[in-house]
Amino acid sequence: MNDANQPLTLITGTADALLEFEVFSARLGGLSKTRIDELEKTDPNFPKRIAIGQIRANGRPARVAWLESEVSAYVRDLVAKARSRDTQQPA
């Protein structure tokens, strides 16, 4: 969020909030950094991180964030898949 606590307006022209790690992790049930790294490598639908800080000497960004809309869409998809499995199982 910017200083006025409003969603950032991104290059695409859409308003969307950027979630830093603590909020991002909490939205996904408290995933660890290690598990997030694993999912980024193995799940093509997992939200992509965005560099929001300066690039360090090692080539990695000082800060990263994720788009709230992508995180919400990912969680909705997980819930839909879980509910679909639940309805397919015999009672």
N, C-alpha and C. Protein backbone atom coordinates (compact mmCIF):
# COMPACT_ATOMS: atom_id res chain seq x y z
N MET A 1 0.84 -1.17 0.00
CA MET A 1 0.00 0.00 0.00
C MET A 1 0.89 1.25 0.00
N ASN A 2 0.38 2.30 -0.57
CA ASN A 2 1.14 3.54 -0.58
C ASN A 2 0.90 4.31 0.70
N ASP A 3 1.49 5.52 0.80
CA ASP A 3 1.39 6.29 2.03
C ASP A 3 -0.04 6.63 2.40
N ALA A 4 -0.92 6.74 1.45
CA ALA A 4 -2.31 7.08 1.73
C ALA A 4 -3.15 5.83 2.02
N ASN A 5 -2.49 4.67 2.17
CA ASN A 5 -3.17 3.40 2.42
C ASN A 5 -4.18 3.05 1.34
N GLN A 6 -3.87 3.41 0.13
CA GLN A 6 -4.70 3.08 -1.02
C GLN A 6 -3.96 2.03 -1.86
N PRO A 7 -4.67 1.18 -2.60
CA PRO A 7 -3.99 0.22 -3.46
C PRO A 7 -3.11 0.94 -4.48
N LEU A 8 -2.00 0.31 -4.80
CA LEU A 8 -1.11 0.87 -5.80
C LEU A 8 -1.72 0.72 -7.18
N THR A 9 -1.54 1.71 -8.03
CA THR A 9 -1.97 1.61 -9.42
C THR A 9 -0.78 1.10 -10.21
N LEU A 10 -0.93 -0.05 -10.82
CA LEU A 10 0.17 -0.68 -11.52
C LEU A 10 0.21 -0.27 -12.97
N ILE A 11 1.26 -0.67 -13.65
CA ILE A 11 1.47 -0.31 -15.05
C ILE A 11 0.29 -0.73 -15.92
N THR A 12 -0.37 -1.82 -15.56
CA THR A 12 -1.48 -2.31 -16.36
C THR A 12 -2.68 -1.38 -16.28
N GLY A 13 -2.66 -0.45 -15.34
CA GLY A 13 -3.78 0.47 -15.20
C GLY A 13 -4.85 -0.03 -14.25
N THR A 14 -4.62 -1.18 -13.62
CA THR A 14 -5.59 -1.69 -12.67
C THR A 14 -5.11 -1.39 -11.26
N ALA A 15 -6.03 -1.19 -10.36
CA ALA A 15 -5.66 -0.96 -8.96
C ALA A 15 -5.57 -2.32 -8.28
N ASP A 16 -4.46 -2.57 -7.62
CA ASP A 16 -4.25 -3.84 -6.95
C ASP A 16 -3.27 -3.62 -5.81
N ALA A 17 -3.48 -4.30 -4.73
CA ALA A 17 -2.58 -4.18 -3.59
C ALA A 17 -1.42 -5.16 -3.75
N LEU A 18 -0.28 -4.74 -3.24
CA LEU A 18 0.89 -5.61 -3.19
C LEU A 18 0.99 -6.17 -1.78
N LEU A 19 1.12 -7.48 -1.67
CA LEU A 19 1.21 -8.14 -0.38
C LEU A 19 2.66 -8.53 -0.11
N GLU A 20 3.21 -8.04 1.00
CA GLU A 20 4.54 -8.45 1.37
C GLU A 20 4.46 -9.82 2.04
N PHE A 21 5.63 -10.41 2.31
CA PHE A 21 5.70 -11.82 2.69
C PHE A 21 4.77 -12.21 3.82
N GLU A 22 4.76 -11.46 4.92
CA GLU A 22 3.98 -11.86 6.09
C GLU A 22 2.50 -12.00 5.75
N VAL A 23 1.96 -11.05 5.02
CA VAL A 23 0.54 -11.08 4.64
C VAL A 23 0.31 -12.18 3.61
N PHE A 24 1.20 -12.27 2.62
CA PHE A 24 1.10 -13.30 1.59
C PHE A 24 1.08 -14.69 2.23
N SER A 25 2.02 -14.95 3.12
CA SER A 25 2.11 -16.24 3.79
C SER A 25 0.85 -16.52 4.59
N ALA A 26 0.36 -15.52 5.31
CA ALA A 26 -0.85 -15.70 6.12
C ALA A 26 -2.06 -16.02 5.25
N ARG A 27 -2.17 -15.40 4.08
CA ARG A 27 -3.31 -15.67 3.19
C ARG A 27 -3.29 -17.11 2.68
N LEU A 28 -2.08 -17.72 2.69
CA LEU A 28 -1.96 -19.10 2.22
C LEU A 28 -1.82 -20.08 3.38
N GLY A 29 -2.31 -19.69 4.54
CA GLY A 29 -2.32 -20.60 5.68
C GLY A 29 -1.02 -20.65 6.45
N GLY A 30 -0.19 -19.65 6.33
CA GLY A 30 1.06 -19.60 7.09
C GLY A 30 2.20 -20.40 6.48
N LEU A 31 2.24 -20.47 5.15
CA LEU A 31 3.31 -21.22 4.49
C LEU A 31 4.68 -20.63 4.82
N SER A 32 5.67 -21.50 4.93
CA SER A 32 7.04 -21.07 5.20
C SER A 32 7.70 -20.56 3.91
N LYS A 33 8.81 -19.86 4.06
CA LYS A 33 9.56 -19.40 2.89
C LYS A 33 10.01 -20.58 2.04
N THR A 34 10.43 -21.65 2.71
CA THR A 34 10.88 -22.84 1.98
C THR A 34 9.75 -23.43 1.15
N ARG A 35 8.56 -23.55 1.74
CA ARG A 35 7.42 -24.13 1.01
C ARG A 35 6.99 -23.22 -0.13
N ILE A 36 7.03 -21.92 0.09
CA ILE A 36 6.70 -20.97 -0.98
C ILE A 36 7.68 -21.13 -2.14
N ASP A 37 8.97 -21.23 -1.83
CA ASP A 37 9.98 -21.44 -2.88
C ASP A 37 9.69 -22.72 -3.66
N GLU A 38 9.32 -23.80 -2.95
CA GLU A 38 9.00 -25.07 -3.61
C GLU A 38 7.81 -24.92 -4.55
N LEU A 39 6.74 -24.27 -4.06
CA LEU A 39 5.54 -24.09 -4.88
C LEU A 39 5.81 -23.20 -6.08
N GLU A 40 6.66 -22.20 -5.92
CA GLU A 40 7.00 -21.34 -7.06
C GLU A 40 7.68 -22.14 -8.17
N LYS A 41 8.43 -23.16 -7.79
CA LYS A 41 9.15 -23.98 -8.76
C LYS A 41 8.30 -25.09 -9.37
N THR A 42 7.31 -25.57 -8.59
CA THR A 42 6.58 -26.76 -9.04
C THR A 42 5.14 -26.53 -9.47
N ASP A 43 4.53 -25.43 -9.03
CA ASP A 43 3.12 -25.18 -9.34
C ASP A 43 3.03 -23.99 -10.31
N PRO A 44 2.72 -24.26 -11.57
CA PRO A 44 2.67 -23.17 -12.56
C PRO A 44 1.57 -22.15 -12.27
N ASN A 45 0.60 -22.50 -11.44
CA ASN A 45 -0.49 -21.57 -11.11
C ASN A 45 -0.21 -20.74 -9.86
N PHE A 46 0.89 -21.04 -9.17
CA PHE A 46 1.22 -20.31 -7.94
C PHE A 46 1.53 -18.86 -8.27
N PRO A 47 1.05 -17.91 -7.44
CA PRO A 47 1.30 -16.49 -7.73
C PRO A 47 2.78 -16.17 -7.87
N LYS A 48 3.10 -15.31 -8.82
CA LYS A 48 4.49 -14.93 -9.08
C LYS A 48 4.88 -13.73 -8.23
N ARG A 49 6.08 -13.78 -7.66
CA ARG A 49 6.57 -12.66 -6.87
C ARG A 49 7.00 -11.51 -7.77
N ILE A 50 6.96 -10.32 -7.22
CA ILE A 50 7.34 -9.10 -7.94
C ILE A 50 8.43 -8.41 -7.13
N ALA A 51 9.52 -8.04 -7.78
CA ALA A 51 10.58 -7.30 -7.10
C ALA A 51 10.11 -5.87 -6.87
N ILE A 52 10.13 -5.44 -5.61
CA ILE A 52 9.70 -4.07 -5.31
C ILE A 52 10.81 -3.26 -4.65
N GLY A 53 11.93 -3.91 -4.36
CA GLY A 53 13.06 -3.22 -3.73
C GLY A 53 14.23 -3.14 -4.69
N GLN A 54 15.27 -2.51 -4.23
CA GLN A 54 16.48 -2.42 -5.03
C GLN A 54 17.08 -3.81 -5.20
N ILE A 55 17.84 -3.99 -6.25
CA ILE A 55 18.50 -5.26 -6.51
C ILE A 55 19.82 -5.28 -5.74
N ARG A 56 20.03 -6.31 -4.98
CA ARG A 56 21.25 -6.46 -4.19
C ARG A 56 22.41 -6.88 -5.08
N ALA A 57 23.60 -6.88 -4.52
CA ALA A 57 24.81 -7.29 -5.25
C ALA A 57 24.72 -8.73 -5.74
N ASN A 58 23.96 -9.57 -5.03
CA ASN A 58 23.82 -10.97 -5.44
C ASN A 58 22.79 -11.16 -6.56
N GLY A 59 22.19 -10.05 -7.01
CA GLY A 59 21.23 -10.11 -8.10
C GLY A 59 19.80 -10.34 -7.66
N ARG A 60 19.57 -10.48 -6.37
CA ARG A 60 18.22 -10.71 -5.86
C ARG A 60 17.64 -9.40 -5.34
N PRO A 61 16.32 -9.24 -5.45
CA PRO A 61 15.71 -8.00 -4.95
C PRO A 61 15.75 -7.94 -3.42
N ALA A 62 15.85 -6.73 -2.90
CA ALA A 62 15.85 -6.54 -1.46
C ALA A 62 14.46 -6.82 -0.88
N ARG A 63 13.41 -6.54 -1.63
CA ARG A 63 12.04 -6.78 -1.19
C ARG A 63 11.23 -7.35 -2.34
N VAL A 64 10.30 -8.21 -1.99
CA VAL A 64 9.37 -8.77 -2.98
C VAL A 64 7.96 -8.68 -2.44
N ALA A 65 7.01 -8.78 -3.35
CA ALA A 65 5.59 -8.77 -2.97
C ALA A 65 4.83 -9.58 -4.01
N TRP A 66 3.56 -9.82 -3.71
CA TRP A 66 2.69 -10.56 -4.63
C TRP A 66 1.42 -9.75 -4.82
N LEU A 67 0.82 -9.85 -6.01
CA LEU A 67 -0.42 -9.15 -6.29
C LEU A 67 -1.57 -9.81 -5.53
N GLU A 68 -2.32 -9.00 -4.82
CA GLU A 68 -3.44 -9.51 -4.04
C GLU A 68 -4.45 -10.25 -4.93
N SER A 69 -4.69 -9.74 -6.12
CA SER A 69 -5.67 -10.38 -7.00
C SER A 69 -5.21 -11.78 -7.43
N GLU A 70 -3.91 -11.96 -7.65
CA GLU A 70 -3.39 -13.28 -8.04
C GLU A 70 -3.46 -14.25 -6.86
N VAL A 71 -3.17 -13.76 -5.67
CA VAL A 71 -3.25 -14.59 -4.47
C VAL A 71 -4.69 -15.02 -4.23
N SER A 72 -5.62 -14.08 -4.33
CA SER A 72 -7.04 -14.40 -4.13
C SER A 72 -7.52 -15.41 -5.16
N ALA A 73 -7.13 -15.25 -6.41
CA ALA A 73 -7.53 -16.18 -7.46
C ALA A 73 -6.97 -17.58 -7.19
N TYR A 74 -5.73 -17.65 -6.73
CA TYR A 74 -5.10 -18.93 -6.42
C TYR A 74 -5.85 -19.63 -5.28
N VAL A 75 -6.17 -18.89 -4.23
CA VAL A 75 -6.88 -19.47 -3.09
C VAL A 75 -8.27 -19.93 -3.52
N ARG A 76 -8.97 -19.11 -4.32
CA ARG A 76 -10.31 -19.51 -4.81
C ARG A 76 -10.22 -20.81 -5.60
N ASP A 77 -9.17 -20.96 -6.42
CA ASP A 77 -8.99 -22.18 -7.21
C ASP A 77 -8.75 -23.39 -6.30
N LEU A 78 -7.92 -23.20 -5.26
CA LEU A 78 -7.68 -24.30 -4.32
C LEU A 78 -8.97 -24.73 -3.62
N VAL A 79 -9.77 -23.75 -3.21
CA VAL A 79 -11.03 -24.04 -2.53
C VAL A 79 -11.98 -24.77 -3.49
N ALA A 80 -12.07 -24.29 -4.72
CA ALA A 80 -12.96 -24.92 -5.71
C ALA A 80 -12.54 -26.37 -5.96
N LYS A 81 -11.24 -26.62 -6.07
CA LYS A 81 -10.76 -28.00 -6.29
C LYS A 81 -11.07 -28.88 -5.08
N ALA A 82 -10.88 -28.35 -3.88
CA ALA A 82 -11.17 -29.12 -2.66
C ALA A 82 -12.65 -29.44 -2.56
N ARG A 83 -13.49 -28.47 -2.86
CA ARG A 83 -14.94 -28.71 -2.79
C ARG A 83 -15.38 -29.70 -3.85
N SER A 84 -14.77 -29.63 -5.01
CA SER A 84 -15.10 -30.56 -6.07
C SER A 84 -14.74 -31.99 -5.66
N ARG A 85 -13.58 -32.17 -5.03
CA ARG A 85 -13.20 -33.50 -4.54
C ARG A 85 -14.16 -33.97 -3.47
N ASP A 86 -14.57 -33.05 -2.59
CA ASP A 86 -15.49 -33.42 -1.50
C ASP A 86 -16.83 -33.91 -2.03
N THR A 87 -17.33 -33.29 -3.09
CA THR A 87 -18.64 -33.68 -3.63
C THR A 87 -18.56 -34.94 -4.45
N GLN A 88 -17.37 -35.33 -4.90
CA GLN A 88 -17.21 -36.53 -5.70
C GLN A 88 -17.05 -37.78 -4.86
N GLN A 89 -16.72 -37.63 -3.58
CA GLN A 89 -16.54 -38.78 -2.72
C GLN A 89 -17.88 -39.29 -2.23
N PRO A 90 -18.05 -40.62 -2.18
CA PRO A 90 -19.32 -41.18 -1.71
C PRO A 90 -19.52 -40.88 -0.22
N ALA A 91 -20.77 -40.69 0.15
CA ALA A 91 -21.11 -40.36 1.55
C ALA A 91 -21.12 -41.57 2.42
